[in-house]
């Protein structure tokens, strides 16, 4: 009996079973999505002050903090963690101290957080906040029906797509999916290149890692809700699959992707790796990506990525916020940081996706 007991001890000490999916997935205990998430969530709540950003005439909680809170709310909902949900709700319900002005794509995306908090708590204050920002995004649309916040920066695939998708999840009004699909199809046609990756902008021919990460995550998010009958569904599905195939080609042997995806001289960057892993996991679990190579790729990404998480719950090797510049060295030499919400947020998304059932609801 002793060898068997030792086997059981080792088995449970060094592996973690994904209880939320049909598929058995074992991770080293220290790399289980639950353990990793706890570290990141503890770090999140250690930050007492909001990260406020001001651009031109608008100010808001920074979109990266909103994305982290959104991810934590979803994960806590999946795990029935009412304590974490209450802490989040209490943090963001104090509306007088939280600027929430619309008018800029990076400000409106804050709405994904209150909409998710509404889904978890039923508090109508959160619903009103989020829907105001989603509808404001389409005030005075352009002649072609696109949001007036359209600027063809690849980041906007998430900033616009995720907010409109969240508004649909709350209201079940198809107008929100129609808006998101129209927008994302336009970005695909304008910015996706023959190799499947996206330029940072029409005049900035670089495959920046996190920028492409926003695209991958935004496309996967929309496809999890978009009906095949939508006229833009074929364009979005093709763009997503083409991108995922390209990412397989450029993934490093340790599971990571790079600051400039197609340049081996570029350093390995964590926020983009988390976003790509998240997007692939959603594609596999929704049944869109059927090749077994994608499952292997996202598992390898998780194992490689989590090596960059410090004991303090802060993800290292995160590219700082990055504008556009027609200079390859601008991207290659961007500073790197630890604990930035640009990295913390997609790490939580990735963990959530790994715990999902095989068929995304």
Protein backbone atom coordinates (compact mmCIF):
# COMPACT_ATOMS: atom_id res chain seq x y z
CA UNK A 1 0.00 0.00 0.00
CA UNK A 2 2.83 2.38 0.71
CA UNK A 3 3.90 2.88 -2.94
CA UNK A 4 0.25 3.55 -3.86
CA UNK A 5 -0.11 6.15 -1.09
CA UNK A 6 3.08 7.84 -2.25
CA UNK A 7 1.72 7.88 -5.79
CA UNK A 8 -1.49 9.57 -4.65
CA UNK A 9 0.43 12.17 -2.67
CA UNK A 10 2.64 13.02 -5.64
CA UNK A 11 -0.35 13.03 -8.00
CA UNK A 12 -2.36 15.55 -5.99
CA UNK A 13 0.66 17.64 -5.01
CA UNK A 14 1.85 18.21 -8.55
CA UNK A 15 -1.32 18.22 -10.62
CA UNK A 16 -4.57 20.11 -10.83
CA UNK A 17 -7.74 18.84 -12.50
CA UNK A 18 -9.92 21.20 -14.49
CA UNK A 19 -13.24 20.49 -12.76
CA UNK A 20 -15.18 22.86 -15.04
CA UNK A 21 -14.46 21.14 -18.34
CA UNK A 22 -15.20 17.74 -19.75
CA UNK A 23 -11.57 17.32 -20.64
CA UNK A 24 -8.97 16.25 -18.09
CA UNK A 25 -6.21 18.82 -17.97
CA UNK A 26 -3.43 18.46 -15.46
CA UNK A 27 -1.08 21.24 -14.48
CA UNK A 28 1.76 21.31 -11.98
CA UNK A 29 0.12 22.42 -8.74
CA UNK A 30 1.90 25.78 -8.68
CA UNK A 31 0.71 26.49 -12.22
CA UNK A 32 -2.95 25.59 -11.86
CA UNK A 33 -5.26 28.38 -13.08
CA UNK A 34 -6.79 28.63 -9.59
CA UNK A 35 -3.43 29.10 -7.85
CA UNK A 36 -2.18 31.61 -10.42
CA UNK A 37 -5.45 33.54 -10.25
CA UNK A 38 -5.32 33.84 -6.48
CA UNK A 39 -1.92 35.52 -6.70
CA UNK A 40 -3.07 37.98 -9.36
CA UNK A 41 -6.30 38.79 -7.53
CA UNK A 42 -4.46 39.40 -4.26
CA UNK A 43 -2.17 41.80 -6.08
CA UNK A 44 -5.16 43.57 -7.64
CA UNK A 45 -6.83 44.30 -4.32
CA UNK A 46 -3.56 45.45 -2.78
CA UNK A 47 -3.83 48.54 -5.01
CA UNK A 48 -6.04 50.97 -3.14
CA UNK A 49 -6.06 53.79 -5.69
CA UNK A 50 -7.71 53.75 -9.08
CA UNK A 51 -5.52 54.06 -12.16
CA UNK A 52 -7.05 57.16 -13.72
CA UNK A 53 -6.16 58.19 -17.26
CA UNK A 54 -6.80 61.55 -18.89
CA UNK A 55 -6.66 61.99 -22.67
CA UNK A 56 -7.86 65.18 -24.30
CA UNK A 57 -11.24 66.02 -22.77
CA UNK A 58 -12.02 62.67 -21.20
CA UNK A 59 -10.91 60.90 -18.07
CA UNK A 60 -11.75 57.46 -16.80
CA UNK A 61 -10.49 54.50 -14.85
CA UNK A 62 -7.72 53.22 -17.09
CA UNK A 63 -8.89 50.62 -19.58
CA UNK A 64 -6.23 48.17 -18.39
CA UNK A 65 -7.57 48.29 -14.83
CA UNK A 66 -11.11 47.90 -16.18
CA UNK A 67 -9.98 44.85 -18.16
CA UNK A 68 -8.40 43.33 -15.05
CA UNK A 69 -11.54 43.92 -12.98
CA UNK A 70 -13.68 42.49 -15.75
CA UNK A 71 -11.57 39.35 -15.84
CA UNK A 72 -11.67 38.93 -12.07
CA UNK A 73 -15.45 39.36 -12.01
CA UNK A 74 -15.91 36.68 -14.66
CA UNK A 75 -13.54 34.29 -12.94
CA UNK A 76 -15.16 34.85 -9.54
CA UNK A 77 -18.57 34.23 -11.10
CA UNK A 78 -17.38 30.96 -12.62
CA UNK A 79 -15.97 29.81 -9.29
CA UNK A 80 -18.99 31.08 -7.30
CA UNK A 81 -16.63 33.26 -5.30
CA UNK A 82 -19.11 35.69 -3.77
CA UNK A 83 -16.50 37.29 -1.53
CA UNK A 84 -14.41 38.50 -4.46
CA UNK A 85 -17.47 39.68 -6.36
CA UNK A 86 -18.58 41.75 -3.37
CA UNK A 87 -15.12 43.29 -3.01
CA UNK A 88 -15.16 44.28 -6.68
CA UNK A 89 -18.68 45.65 -6.51
CA UNK A 90 -17.84 47.70 -3.42
CA UNK A 91 -14.72 49.07 -5.11
CA UNK A 92 -16.49 50.32 -8.24
CA UNK A 93 -19.90 51.27 -6.88
CA UNK A 94 -18.55 54.52 -5.44
CA UNK A 95 -19.46 56.41 -8.59
CA UNK A 96 -18.69 59.91 -7.31
CA UNK A 97 -14.99 59.08 -7.10
CA UNK A 98 -14.80 57.22 -10.41
CA UNK A 99 -14.61 59.43 -13.51
CA UNK A 100 -16.53 57.81 -16.33
CA UNK A 101 -16.66 60.20 -19.24
CA UNK A 102 -17.25 58.83 -22.71
CA UNK A 103 -15.97 60.18 -25.97
CA UNK A 104 -12.74 58.25 -26.42
CA UNK A 105 -12.42 54.59 -27.30
CA UNK A 106 -10.05 53.97 -24.38
CA UNK A 107 -12.55 55.51 -21.97
CA UNK A 108 -15.76 53.90 -23.15
CA UNK A 109 -14.35 50.39 -22.81
CA UNK A 110 -14.55 50.83 -19.04
CA UNK A 111 -18.17 49.76 -19.55
CA UNK A 112 -17.21 46.09 -19.77
CA UNK A 113 -16.54 46.11 -16.03
CA UNK A 114 -19.87 47.47 -14.72
CA UNK A 115 -21.72 45.28 -17.23
CA UNK A 116 -19.98 42.19 -15.87
CA UNK A 117 -20.65 43.35 -12.30
CA UNK A 118 -24.32 43.69 -13.22
CA UNK A 119 -24.29 40.12 -14.54
CA UNK A 120 -22.80 38.92 -11.26
CA UNK A 121 -24.75 41.09 -8.78
CA UNK A 122 -27.94 42.24 -10.51
CA UNK A 123 -27.29 45.81 -9.31
CA UNK A 124 -28.96 48.04 -11.89
CA UNK A 125 -26.53 50.89 -11.27
CA UNK A 126 -23.86 48.85 -13.01
CA UNK A 127 -26.19 48.04 -15.89
CA UNK A 128 -26.98 51.70 -16.51
CA UNK A 129 -23.32 52.70 -16.38
CA UNK A 130 -22.21 50.07 -18.87
CA UNK A 131 -25.06 50.52 -21.34
CA UNK A 132 -24.60 54.29 -21.34
CA UNK A 133 -20.99 53.81 -22.42
CA UNK A 134 -21.93 51.18 -25.04
CA UNK A 135 -24.63 53.37 -26.56
CA UNK A 136 -22.49 56.49 -26.34
CA UNK A 137 -19.94 54.68 -28.50
CA UNK A 138 -22.46 54.82 -31.35
CA UNK A 139 -23.71 58.37 -30.95
CA UNK A 140 -23.34 60.22 -34.26
CA UNK A 141 -21.97 57.23 -36.20
CA UNK A 142 -19.97 57.69 -39.39
CA UNK A 143 -21.67 57.56 -42.78
CA UNK A 144 -20.72 53.90 -43.22
CA UNK A 145 -22.33 53.02 -39.88
CA UNK A 146 -19.08 52.62 -37.93
CA UNK A 147 -18.58 54.17 -34.52
CA UNK A 148 -17.27 57.71 -34.52
CA UNK A 149 -14.51 56.36 -32.27
CA UNK A 150 -13.12 54.39 -35.21
CA UNK A 151 -9.44 55.20 -35.73
CA UNK A 152 -8.06 51.92 -37.15
CA UNK A 153 -5.66 51.24 -34.33
CA UNK A 154 -5.73 47.49 -33.80
CA UNK A 155 -6.32 47.96 -30.06
CA UNK A 156 -9.85 49.07 -30.91
CA UNK A 157 -10.90 45.56 -31.96
CA UNK A 158 -11.09 44.84 -28.24
CA UNK A 159 -12.04 48.34 -27.05
CA UNK A 160 -15.12 48.43 -29.27
CA UNK A 161 -15.83 44.73 -29.83
CA UNK A 162 -15.77 43.66 -26.18
CA UNK A 163 -17.99 46.51 -24.98
CA UNK A 164 -20.67 45.89 -27.57
CA UNK A 165 -20.51 42.13 -26.93
CA UNK A 166 -20.93 42.72 -23.20
CA UNK A 167 -23.92 44.98 -23.85
CA UNK A 168 -25.49 42.16 -25.86
CA UNK A 169 -24.91 39.69 -23.03
CA UNK A 170 -26.81 41.94 -20.68
CA UNK A 171 -29.68 42.98 -22.99
CA UNK A 172 -29.82 40.20 -25.65
CA UNK A 173 -30.48 43.03 -28.11
CA UNK A 174 -28.87 42.00 -31.45
CA UNK A 175 -28.05 45.61 -32.33
CA UNK A 176 -24.96 45.36 -30.14
CA UNK A 177 -23.63 42.32 -32.01
CA UNK A 178 -24.44 43.98 -35.32
CA UNK A 179 -22.40 47.03 -34.32
CA UNK A 180 -19.46 44.94 -33.15
CA UNK A 181 -19.48 42.73 -36.24
CA UNK A 182 -19.64 45.71 -38.61
CA UNK A 183 -16.70 47.32 -36.82
CA UNK A 184 -14.48 44.26 -36.55
CA UNK A 185 -15.07 43.25 -40.17
CA UNK A 186 -13.90 46.72 -41.23
CA UNK A 187 -10.73 46.40 -39.15
CA UNK A 188 -10.00 42.97 -40.63
CA UNK A 189 -10.36 44.26 -44.17
CA UNK A 190 -8.20 47.29 -43.45
CA UNK A 191 -5.41 45.92 -41.25
CA UNK A 192 -5.03 42.14 -41.62
CA UNK A 193 -2.07 41.17 -43.78
CA UNK A 194 -1.60 38.15 -46.07
CA UNK A 195 0.42 36.41 -43.34
CA UNK A 196 -2.63 36.53 -41.03
CA UNK A 197 -1.23 39.11 -38.62
CA UNK A 198 -2.29 42.74 -38.26
CA UNK A 199 -0.42 45.99 -38.71
CA UNK A 200 -0.56 48.35 -35.75
CA UNK A 201 -2.23 50.89 -38.05
CA UNK A 202 -2.57 51.62 -41.77
CA UNK A 203 0.73 53.54 -41.80
CA UNK A 204 2.59 51.50 -39.19
CA UNK A 205 3.65 48.18 -40.78
CA UNK A 206 4.67 46.30 -37.65
CA UNK A 207 3.13 43.21 -36.08
CA UNK A 208 3.22 44.51 -32.50
CA UNK A 209 2.53 41.74 -30.00
CA UNK A 210 -0.02 43.23 -27.62
CA UNK A 211 -1.76 45.12 -30.41
CA UNK A 212 -2.34 41.82 -32.16
CA UNK A 213 -3.34 40.42 -28.78
CA UNK A 214 -6.18 42.93 -28.52
CA UNK A 215 -7.30 41.77 -31.97
CA UNK A 216 -7.15 38.07 -31.14
CA UNK A 217 -9.03 38.53 -27.88
CA UNK A 218 -11.63 40.83 -29.44
CA UNK A 219 -12.35 38.46 -32.32
CA UNK A 220 -12.63 35.45 -30.02
CA UNK A 221 -14.90 37.37 -27.66
CA UNK A 222 -17.30 38.36 -30.42
CA UNK A 223 -17.31 34.93 -32.05
CA UNK A 224 -18.39 33.40 -28.74
CA UNK A 225 -21.73 35.22 -29.19
CA UNK A 226 -22.10 36.10 -32.91
CA UNK A 227 -24.66 33.99 -34.81
CA UNK A 228 -23.59 32.47 -38.11
CA UNK A 229 -26.49 34.28 -39.77
CA UNK A 230 -24.84 37.65 -39.22
CA UNK A 231 -23.70 38.99 -42.63
CA UNK A 232 -20.22 39.76 -41.27
CA UNK A 233 -19.76 36.37 -39.61
CA UNK A 234 -17.82 34.80 -42.54
CA UNK A 235 -15.33 37.68 -42.67
CA UNK A 236 -14.76 37.62 -38.92
CA UNK A 237 -14.46 33.83 -38.72
CA UNK A 238 -12.01 33.74 -41.63
CA UNK A 239 -9.94 36.58 -40.16
CA UNK A 240 -9.81 34.88 -36.78
CA UNK A 241 -8.82 31.47 -38.16
CA UNK A 242 -6.20 33.02 -40.41
CA UNK A 243 -4.70 34.83 -37.45
CA UNK A 244 -4.69 31.75 -35.20
CA UNK A 245 -2.91 29.74 -37.90
CA UNK A 246 -0.26 32.45 -38.18
CA UNK A 247 0.26 32.47 -34.42
CA UNK A 248 1.00 28.75 -34.44
CA UNK A 249 3.83 29.46 -36.85
CA UNK A 250 5.39 32.19 -34.73
CA UNK A 251 5.07 30.64 -31.25
CA UNK A 252 8.48 30.06 -29.64
CA UNK A 253 9.48 26.61 -28.41
CA UNK A 254 8.84 27.63 -24.78
CA UNK A 255 5.27 28.69 -25.58
CA UNK A 256 5.87 32.45 -25.71
CA UNK A 257 5.26 35.05 -28.40
CA UNK A 258 7.42 38.09 -29.03
CA UNK A 259 7.16 41.86 -28.81
CA UNK A 260 7.21 41.91 -32.62
CA UNK A 261 5.59 38.59 -33.45
CA UNK A 262 7.48 37.83 -36.65
CA UNK A 263 10.94 39.02 -35.53
CA UNK A 264 13.16 36.51 -33.70
CA UNK A 265 15.37 39.36 -32.50
CA UNK A 266 12.44 40.70 -30.48
CA UNK A 267 12.12 39.84 -26.80
CA UNK A 268 9.47 37.49 -25.45
CA UNK A 269 6.52 39.48 -24.19
CA UNK A 270 3.96 38.28 -21.66
CA UNK A 271 0.79 40.34 -22.21
CA UNK A 272 0.56 39.27 -25.85
CA UNK A 273 1.24 35.66 -24.95
CA UNK A 274 -1.62 35.74 -22.43
CA UNK A 275 -3.98 37.25 -24.99
CA UNK A 276 -3.09 34.75 -27.69
CA UNK A 277 -3.46 31.86 -25.27
CA UNK A 278 -6.85 33.19 -24.22
CA UNK A 279 -8.04 33.61 -27.80
CA UNK A 280 -6.92 30.11 -28.77
CA UNK A 281 -8.50 28.52 -25.71
CA UNK A 282 -11.85 30.13 -26.50
CA UNK A 283 -11.58 28.94 -30.09
CA UNK A 284 -10.85 25.36 -29.08
CA UNK A 285 -13.51 25.19 -26.39
CA UNK A 286 -16.17 26.69 -28.65
CA UNK A 287 -15.38 24.14 -31.36
CA UNK A 288 -14.11 26.70 -33.88
CA UNK A 289 -10.48 25.54 -33.78
CA UNK A 290 -10.49 21.78 -34.30
CA UNK A 291 -6.82 21.05 -35.00
CA UNK A 292 -5.19 19.52 -31.91
CA UNK A 293 -2.21 21.79 -32.50
CA UNK A 294 -4.15 24.68 -30.97
CA UNK A 295 -4.75 22.88 -27.69
CA UNK A 296 -1.07 22.02 -27.49
CA UNK A 297 -0.21 25.64 -28.26
CA UNK A 298 -2.33 27.18 -25.53
CA UNK A 299 -1.18 24.61 -22.96
CA UNK A 300 2.42 25.35 -23.85
CA UNK A 301 1.68 29.08 -23.67
CA UNK A 302 0.26 28.75 -20.15
CA UNK A 303 3.23 26.75 -18.89
CA UNK A 304 5.69 29.21 -20.40
CA UNK A 305 3.83 32.35 -19.41
CA UNK A 306 3.41 31.46 -15.76
CA UNK A 307 7.19 31.22 -15.39
CA UNK A 308 7.12 35.02 -15.59
CA UNK A 309 4.79 35.45 -12.60
CA UNK A 310 6.59 36.57 -9.47
CA UNK A 311 5.79 35.39 -5.96
CA UNK A 312 4.19 38.81 -5.44
CA UNK A 313 1.56 38.07 -8.11
CA UNK A 314 3.07 40.48 -10.63
CA UNK A 315 3.66 39.40 -14.22
CA UNK A 316 7.04 40.48 -15.58
CA UNK A 317 8.22 41.33 -19.11
CA UNK A 318 5.12 43.38 -19.92
CA UNK A 319 5.50 45.97 -22.65
CA UNK A 320 4.52 49.45 -21.44
CA UNK A 321 1.72 51.35 -23.15
CA UNK A 322 2.68 51.91 -26.76
CA UNK A 323 1.57 54.46 -29.34
CA UNK A 324 2.29 54.23 -33.03
CA UNK A 325 5.58 55.10 -34.71
CA UNK A 326 7.01 54.17 -38.07
CA UNK A 327 10.27 52.88 -36.61
CA UNK A 328 11.00 49.24 -35.85
CA UNK A 329 13.39 50.19 -33.04
CA UNK A 330 10.58 52.05 -31.29
CA UNK A 331 8.86 48.68 -30.77
CA UNK A 332 11.98 46.61 -30.14
CA UNK A 333 13.24 48.99 -27.47
CA UNK A 334 10.02 49.61 -25.57
CA UNK A 335 10.52 49.50 -21.80
CA UNK A 336 9.35 46.41 -19.92
CA UNK A 337 7.61 46.44 -16.59
CA UNK A 338 6.15 44.13 -13.93
CA UNK A 339 2.63 44.12 -12.50
CA UNK A 340 1.21 46.39 -15.18
CA UNK A 341 -2.54 45.79 -15.62
CA UNK A 342 -1.86 45.37 -19.36
CA UNK A 343 -0.37 42.01 -18.35
CA UNK A 344 -2.37 41.19 -15.23
CA UNK A 345 -5.68 41.47 -17.08
CA UNK A 346 -5.10 38.96 -19.91
CA UNK A 347 -3.45 36.54 -17.48
CA UNK A 348 -6.76 36.42 -15.59
CA UNK A 349 -8.70 36.06 -18.86
CA UNK A 350 -6.46 33.15 -19.83
CA UNK A 351 -6.99 31.45 -16.46
CA UNK A 352 -10.77 31.88 -16.79
CA UNK A 353 -10.80 30.39 -20.27
CA UNK A 354 -8.84 27.33 -19.10
CA UNK A 355 -11.51 26.63 -16.48
CA UNK A 356 -14.41 26.89 -18.92
CA UNK A 357 -16.40 23.90 -20.10
CA UNK A 358 -15.51 22.65 -23.58
CA UNK A 359 -18.52 24.45 -25.04
CA UNK A 360 -18.45 28.15 -24.18
CA UNK A 361 -21.83 29.45 -22.99
